Amino acid sequence: MELKSTRCAICNSFNNSHVLFPQRLPTQNLDASPYAPRRKRDFFHYRIVKCKTCGLLRSDPLVDQNDLKQLYFDSECTYTDENENIPLKKTYGSYFVNVLKKYNIEKTSFLDIGCSNGFILEKALEFGFKKIIGVEPSRDAIDQASSSIKPFIVNGMFDDKMFEKDSFDMITFFQTFDHIAEPNIFLQNCFNVLKEGGFILAINHNAKSFSAKIMGEKSPIIDIGHTYLYDLSTMKQIFKQNNFVVHNVFPIKNTVSIERLIQLLPIKSSTSEKIQQLARLLKINKCLLKLPLGNLGIIAQKLKTT
């Protein structure tokens, strides 16, 4: 697959960056397997550069857009209830419900972008939304959705042709924005399909978190699937330049199982598996912890026009 140069999504520059980490890609032809979420650590990534002006991190060069879309269409969903769905529901659900209460958001229509097997759509129904829709490129992820949720998931990459303008009271995307190769176009499309006064809640990795600084290239955020990596400042900048009013940008505490925490450690897979086996033997692998794992959240709004 051909690799193409990328530009800073904030400064719009091509050659105004320095290299943080050199490219580490599979020696064989690139396929969809490294794009599976929650896969075993393989440490694959494109060359990671940092913009000299705004500090935004990005993959440069990157696989062509059409090839990238196909990789996501073909990727497998490797989530499990114990390690992913249940802890993620707790993490995202707690921030989700807090935003609904604090901002008194209308609950007529809801969109989750990058919805995987639809576990957040289930939460949206619990919280009282009348109409729910998810967008997910991975066919395998949709196949794993419950029969009650599957009809509400659109298979594809979110774009401006999917929905009419002013369709949704709220949009969420969790651990999705880092994967978007054209984030300004993505946010403009979100702005268009949000109703006036509508809200976005997004959660993704924080490039300046303590864990990212300590672990460096071995941090889980340095990953082949991440086209851009944001911190609190650059996240706020890119939303503001796409006409959103930013109410808050904040660090996240994740609910995580001990087994999943072990999987995130920068150690050999054989060592990781031995520690996981010990955790299972001790029956602590499913125990949940609430920790600052290096993520950030943003609450933004499309203000009503006067």
Protein backbone atom coordinates (compact mmCIF):
# COMPACT_ATOMS: atom_id res chain seq x y z
CA MET A 1 0.00 0.00 0.00
CA GLU A 2 1.21 3.48 -0.86
CA LEU A 3 1.99 5.89 1.98
CA LYS A 4 1.20 9.59 1.58
CA SER A 5 2.41 12.65 3.48
CA THR A 6 -0.01 14.21 5.94
CA ARG A 7 -0.40 17.78 7.14
CA CYS A 8 -1.03 19.29 10.55
CA ALA A 9 -4.79 19.44 11.11
CA ILE A 10 -4.45 22.69 13.09
CA CYS A 11 -1.63 24.58 11.34
CA ASN A 12 -2.25 23.05 7.90
CA SER A 13 1.50 22.65 7.35
CA PHE A 14 3.39 19.77 5.69
CA ASN A 15 7.01 20.23 6.68
CA ASN A 16 6.92 22.03 10.01
CA SER A 17 7.46 19.09 12.37
CA HIS A 18 10.11 16.96 13.97
CA VAL A 19 10.17 13.17 14.29
CA LEU A 20 9.30 11.70 17.68
CA PHE A 21 9.34 8.01 16.75
CA PRO A 22 10.45 6.26 13.54
CA GLN A 23 8.05 4.09 11.54
CA ARG A 24 7.49 0.52 12.77
CA LEU A 25 5.20 -1.37 10.40
CA PRO A 26 4.65 -5.11 9.76
CA THR A 27 7.32 -6.64 7.50
CA GLN A 28 4.60 -8.37 5.48
CA ASN A 29 1.92 -6.58 3.50
CA LEU A 30 -0.29 -4.42 5.69
CA ASP A 31 -3.72 -5.93 6.33
CA ALA A 32 -6.63 -5.26 8.68
CA SER A 33 -5.32 -7.28 11.66
CA PRO A 34 -3.33 -4.40 13.28
CA TYR A 35 -6.47 -2.23 13.09
CA ALA A 36 -8.48 -4.47 15.41
CA PRO A 37 -9.39 -2.68 18.66
CA ARG A 38 -8.22 -4.21 21.95
CA ARG A 39 -5.86 -6.58 20.10
CA LYS A 40 -2.70 -7.92 21.72
CA ARG A 41 0.12 -5.38 21.80
CA ASP A 42 2.15 -5.46 18.59
CA PHE A 43 3.76 -1.97 18.80
CA PHE A 44 3.11 -1.21 15.12
CA HIS A 45 2.83 2.46 14.14
CA TYR A 46 3.59 4.90 11.36
CA ARG A 47 6.28 7.54 11.80
CA ILE A 48 5.07 9.89 14.57
CA VAL A 49 5.85 13.59 14.18
CA LYS A 50 5.10 16.66 16.27
CA CYS A 51 4.12 20.03 14.81
CA LYS A 52 6.68 22.68 15.76
CA THR A 53 4.00 25.40 16.00
CA CYS A 54 0.97 23.91 17.78
CA GLY A 55 2.36 20.66 19.19
CA LEU A 56 -0.17 18.36 17.49
CA LEU A 57 1.11 14.81 17.01
CA ARG A 58 0.32 12.86 13.84
CA SER A 59 1.23 9.84 11.73
CA ASP A 60 3.27 10.96 8.72
CA PRO A 61 3.25 9.46 6.15
CA LEU A 62 0.00 7.49 6.29
CA VAL A 63 -1.68 4.89 4.13
CA ASP A 64 -3.96 6.26 1.38
CA GLN A 65 -7.50 7.22 2.46
CA ASN A 66 -9.28 4.59 0.36
CA ASP A 67 -6.99 1.85 1.63
CA LEU A 68 -7.47 3.08 5.20
CA LYS A 69 -11.26 2.86 4.90
CA GLN A 70 -11.00 -0.71 3.63
CA LEU A 71 -8.74 -1.69 6.54
CA TYR A 72 -11.39 -0.49 8.99
CA PHE A 73 -14.19 -2.22 7.08
CA ASP A 74 -12.26 -5.51 7.31
CA SER A 75 -11.08 -5.14 10.92
CA GLU A 76 -12.28 -7.57 13.60
CA CYS A 77 -14.01 -6.62 16.83
CA THR A 78 -12.08 -8.21 19.68
CA TYR A 79 -14.08 -6.77 22.59
CA THR A 80 -15.18 -9.02 25.45
CA ASP A 81 -17.79 -8.29 28.11
CA GLU A 82 -15.40 -8.61 31.05
CA ASN A 83 -12.42 -6.68 29.66
CA GLU A 84 -14.09 -4.11 27.41
CA ASN A 85 -17.86 -3.76 27.20
CA ILE A 86 -18.64 -3.72 30.94
CA PRO A 87 -15.76 -1.41 32.01
CA LEU A 88 -16.25 0.89 29.01
CA LYS A 89 -19.97 1.16 29.71
CA LYS A 90 -19.11 2.25 33.24
CA THR A 91 -16.46 4.76 32.10
CA TYR A 92 -18.30 6.35 29.20
CA GLY A 93 -21.70 5.95 30.77
CA SER A 94 -20.72 7.95 33.87
CA TYR A 95 -19.47 10.92 31.82
CA PHE A 96 -22.41 10.57 29.42
CA VAL A 97 -25.06 10.80 32.14
CA ASN A 98 -23.27 13.67 33.89
CA VAL A 99 -23.30 15.75 30.69
CA LEU A 100 -27.00 14.99 30.14
CA LYS A 101 -27.84 16.20 33.64
CA LYS A 102 -25.57 19.24 33.74
CA TYR A 103 -26.62 20.68 30.40
CA ASN A 104 -30.24 19.47 30.38
CA ILE A 105 -29.87 18.03 26.87
CA GLU A 106 -32.93 17.15 24.82
CA LYS A 107 -33.30 13.39 24.33
CA THR A 108 -35.07 13.18 21.00
CA SER A 109 -32.17 11.92 18.87
CA PHE A 110 -28.67 10.56 19.49
CA LEU A 111 -25.72 9.56 17.30
CA ASP A 112 -22.64 7.55 18.31
CA ILE A 113 -19.81 7.54 15.76
CA GLY A 114 -17.49 4.55 15.83
CA CYS A 115 -20.03 2.64 17.89
CA SER A 116 -18.37 -0.80 17.62
CA ASN A 117 -20.90 -3.40 18.83
CA GLY A 118 -23.32 -0.75 20.04
CA PHE A 119 -22.79 -0.80 23.81
CA ILE A 120 -23.13 3.00 24.04
CA LEU A 121 -26.35 2.89 22.02
CA GLU A 122 -27.69 0.61 24.75
CA LYS A 123 -26.74 3.24 27.35
CA ALA A 124 -28.44 5.98 25.30
CA LEU A 125 -31.68 3.99 25.38
CA GLU A 126 -31.30 3.56 29.15
CA PHE A 127 -30.85 7.32 29.49
CA GLY A 128 -34.10 7.99 27.64
CA PHE A 129 -33.21 8.88 24.05
CA LYS A 130 -36.13 8.23 21.73
CA LYS A 131 -34.12 7.80 18.51
CA ILE A 132 -30.64 6.24 18.42
CA ILE A 133 -28.23 5.71 15.52
CA GLY A 134 -24.68 4.37 15.43
CA VAL A 135 -22.09 4.49 12.67
CA GLU A 136 -19.44 1.76 12.49
CA PRO A 137 -17.11 0.73 9.63
CA SER A 138 -16.27 -2.76 10.95
CA ARG A 139 -18.75 -5.32 9.69
CA ASP A 140 -17.52 -7.79 12.30
CA ALA A 141 -18.28 -5.33 15.12
CA ILE A 142 -21.84 -4.87 13.88
CA ASP A 143 -22.30 -8.63 13.65
CA GLN A 144 -21.50 -8.79 17.36
CA ALA A 145 -24.14 -6.22 18.32
CA SER A 146 -27.26 -7.45 20.11
CA SER A 147 -30.29 -8.17 17.95
CA SER A 148 -32.13 -5.24 19.53
CA ILE A 149 -29.35 -2.75 18.67
CA LYS A 150 -28.07 -4.02 15.32
CA PRO A 151 -30.90 -2.42 13.23
CA PHE A 152 -29.82 1.03 14.46
CA ILE A 153 -26.20 0.75 13.24
CA VAL A 154 -25.12 2.08 9.85
CA ASN A 155 -22.14 0.27 8.31
CA GLY A 156 -19.70 2.83 6.93
CA MET A 157 -17.42 5.78 7.61
CA PHE A 158 -19.29 8.83 8.88
CA ASP A 159 -19.65 11.53 6.22
CA ASP A 160 -21.90 14.43 5.17
CA LYS A 161 -24.19 12.23 3.06
CA MET A 162 -25.41 9.96 5.85
CA PHE A 163 -27.82 12.28 7.66
CA GLU A 164 -29.81 15.45 7.11
CA LYS A 165 -28.74 18.74 8.67
CA ASP A 166 -29.88 19.47 12.22
CA SER A 167 -30.74 15.84 12.97
CA PHE A 168 -29.29 15.13 16.44
CA ASP A 169 -29.50 16.55 19.95
CA MET A 170 -26.26 14.85 20.94
CA ILE A 171 -23.29 13.14 19.30
CA THR A 172 -20.68 11.01 21.03
CA PHE A 173 -17.48 9.43 19.78
CA PHE A 174 -15.32 7.46 22.16
CA GLN A 175 -11.74 6.51 21.19
CA THR A 176 -12.64 7.39 17.61
CA PHE A 177 -11.34 10.92 16.97
CA ASP A 178 -7.67 9.82 17.10
CA HIS A 179 -8.41 7.54 14.14
CA ILE A 180 -9.90 10.21 11.88
CA ALA A 181 -7.58 11.12 9.00
CA GLU A 182 -9.41 14.36 8.14
CA PRO A 183 -10.55 15.68 11.54
CA ASN A 184 -11.64 19.14 10.32
CA ILE A 185 -13.98 17.66 7.73
CA PHE A 186 -15.22 15.21 10.35
CA LEU A 187 -16.02 18.00 12.83
CA GLN A 188 -17.67 20.12 10.13
CA ASN A 189 -19.92 17.17 9.30
CA CYS A 190 -20.72 16.75 13.02
CA PHE A 191 -21.55 20.46 13.23
CA ASN A 192 -23.93 20.20 10.28
CA VAL A 193 -25.91 17.21 11.57
CA LEU A 194 -26.18 18.58 15.13
CA LYS A 195 -29.27 20.59 15.98
CA GLU A 196 -28.73 24.17 17.07
CA GLY A 197 -27.86 23.95 20.74
CA GLY A 198 -26.77 20.32 20.37
CA PHE A 199 -23.80 18.82 22.23
CA ILE A 200 -20.80 16.64 21.54
CA LEU A 201 -19.12 14.46 24.16
CA ALA A 202 -15.88 12.88 22.96
CA ILE A 203 -13.23 10.87 24.78
CA ASN A 204 -9.86 9.92 23.35
CA HIS A 205 -6.19 9.60 24.24
CA ASN A 206 -4.20 12.42 25.84
CA ALA A 207 -0.76 12.82 24.23
CA LYS A 208 0.52 14.72 27.28
CA SER A 209 -0.73 12.35 29.94
CA PHE A 210 1.69 11.09 32.58
CA SER A 211 1.54 7.54 31.20
CA ALA A 212 2.29 8.72 27.64
CA LYS A 213 5.32 10.68 28.85
CA ILE A 214 6.67 7.81 30.95
CA MET A 215 6.10 5.02 28.41
CA GLY A 216 7.14 6.97 25.32
CA GLU A 217 7.05 4.89 22.15
CA LYS A 218 5.74 1.88 24.07
CA SER A 219 2.63 3.73 25.20
CA PRO A 220 -0.61 2.18 23.83
CA ILE A 221 -1.40 5.54 22.20
CA ILE A 222 1.54 5.14 19.79
CA ASP A 223 -0.44 2.86 17.54
CA ILE A 224 -0.94 2.20 13.84
CA GLY A 225 -4.60 3.20 14.09
CA HIS A 226 -3.97 6.70 15.43
CA THR A 227 -3.63 9.35 12.74
CA TYR A 228 -3.62 12.30 15.17
CA LEU A 229 -2.93 12.46 18.90
CA TYR A 230 -4.33 15.38 20.92
CA ASP A 231 -3.71 16.95 24.29
CA LEU A 232 -6.02 19.25 26.27
CA SER A 233 -4.85 22.31 24.32
CA THR A 234 -4.88 20.92 20.77
CA MET A 235 -8.23 19.22 21.37
CA LYS A 236 -9.75 22.56 22.34
CA GLN A 237 -8.09 24.31 19.38
CA ILE A 238 -9.42 22.01 16.70
CA PHE A 239 -12.99 22.11 18.03
CA LYS A 240 -12.93 25.91 18.27
CA GLN A 241 -11.61 26.32 14.73
CA ASN A 242 -14.60 24.30 13.54
CA ASN A 243 -17.10 26.70 15.17
CA PHE A 244 -17.88 24.78 18.35
CA VAL A 245 -18.17 26.43 21.73
CA VAL A 246 -15.99 24.38 24.07
CA HIS A 247 -17.42 24.09 27.58
CA ASN A 248 -14.78 21.84 29.07
CA VAL A 249 -11.69 19.77 28.25
CA PHE A 250 -10.66 17.48 31.07
CA PRO A 251 -8.66 14.36 32.04
CA ILE A 252 -10.56 11.09 32.29
CA LYS A 253 -10.52 8.31 34.85
CA ASN A 254 -11.15 4.92 33.26
CA THR A 255 -12.80 1.91 34.82
CA VAL A 256 -10.59 -1.00 33.76
CA SER A 257 -10.31 -4.68 34.59
CA ILE A 258 -7.05 -5.99 36.03
CA GLU A 259 -6.68 -8.31 33.05
CA ARG A 260 -7.05 -5.44 30.59
CA LEU A 261 -4.56 -3.38 32.61
CA ILE A 262 -2.02 -6.19 32.31
CA GLN A 263 -2.60 -6.30 28.54
CA LEU A 264 -1.71 -2.61 28.29
CA LEU A 265 1.70 -3.04 29.91
CA PRO A 266 4.69 -2.58 27.56
CA ILE A 267 5.97 -6.14 28.03
CA LYS A 268 6.39 -9.21 25.84
CA SER A 269 3.17 -11.00 24.96
CA SER A 270 4.44 -14.24 26.53
CA THR A 271 5.14 -12.46 29.83
CA SER A 272 1.79 -10.67 29.67
CA GLU A 273 -0.05 -13.95 29.17
CA LYS A 274 1.68 -15.53 32.19
CA ILE A 275 0.68 -12.62 34.42
CA GLN A 276 -2.88 -12.79 33.08
CA GLN A 277 -3.00 -16.50 33.84
CA LEU A 278 -1.89 -15.78 37.40
CA ALA A 279 -4.60 -13.12 37.74
CA ARG A 280 -7.19 -15.65 36.53
CA LEU A 281 -5.87 -18.25 38.97
CA LEU A 282 -6.20 -15.75 41.81
CA LYS A 283 -9.67 -14.82 40.48
CA ILE A 284 -8.80 -11.11 40.37
CA ASN A 285 -8.67 -10.72 36.58
CA LYS A 286 -12.23 -9.35 36.39
CA CYS A 287 -11.82 -6.94 39.30
CA LEU A 288 -12.39 -3.34 38.23
CA LEU A 289 -10.21 -0.36 39.09
CA LYS A 290 -10.79 3.34 38.42
CA LEU A 291 -7.54 4.90 37.21
CA PRO A 292 -6.22 7.87 35.17
CA LEU A 293 -5.00 5.83 32.20
CA GLY A 294 -4.16 8.79 29.95
CA ASN A 295 -7.40 9.86 28.29
CA LEU A 296 -9.14 13.20 27.89
CA GLY A 297 -12.72 14.30 27.35
CA ILE A 298 -14.31 17.30 25.67
CA ILE A 299 -17.80 18.80 25.92
CA ALA A 300 -18.64 21.11 23.01
CA GLN A 301 -21.79 22.73 21.71
CA LYS A 302 -23.26 24.10 18.51
CA LEU A 303 -24.76 27.29 19.85
CA LYS A 304 -28.17 28.52 18.77
CA THR A 305 -28.10 31.36 16.30
CA THR A 306 -29.72 34.64 17.34
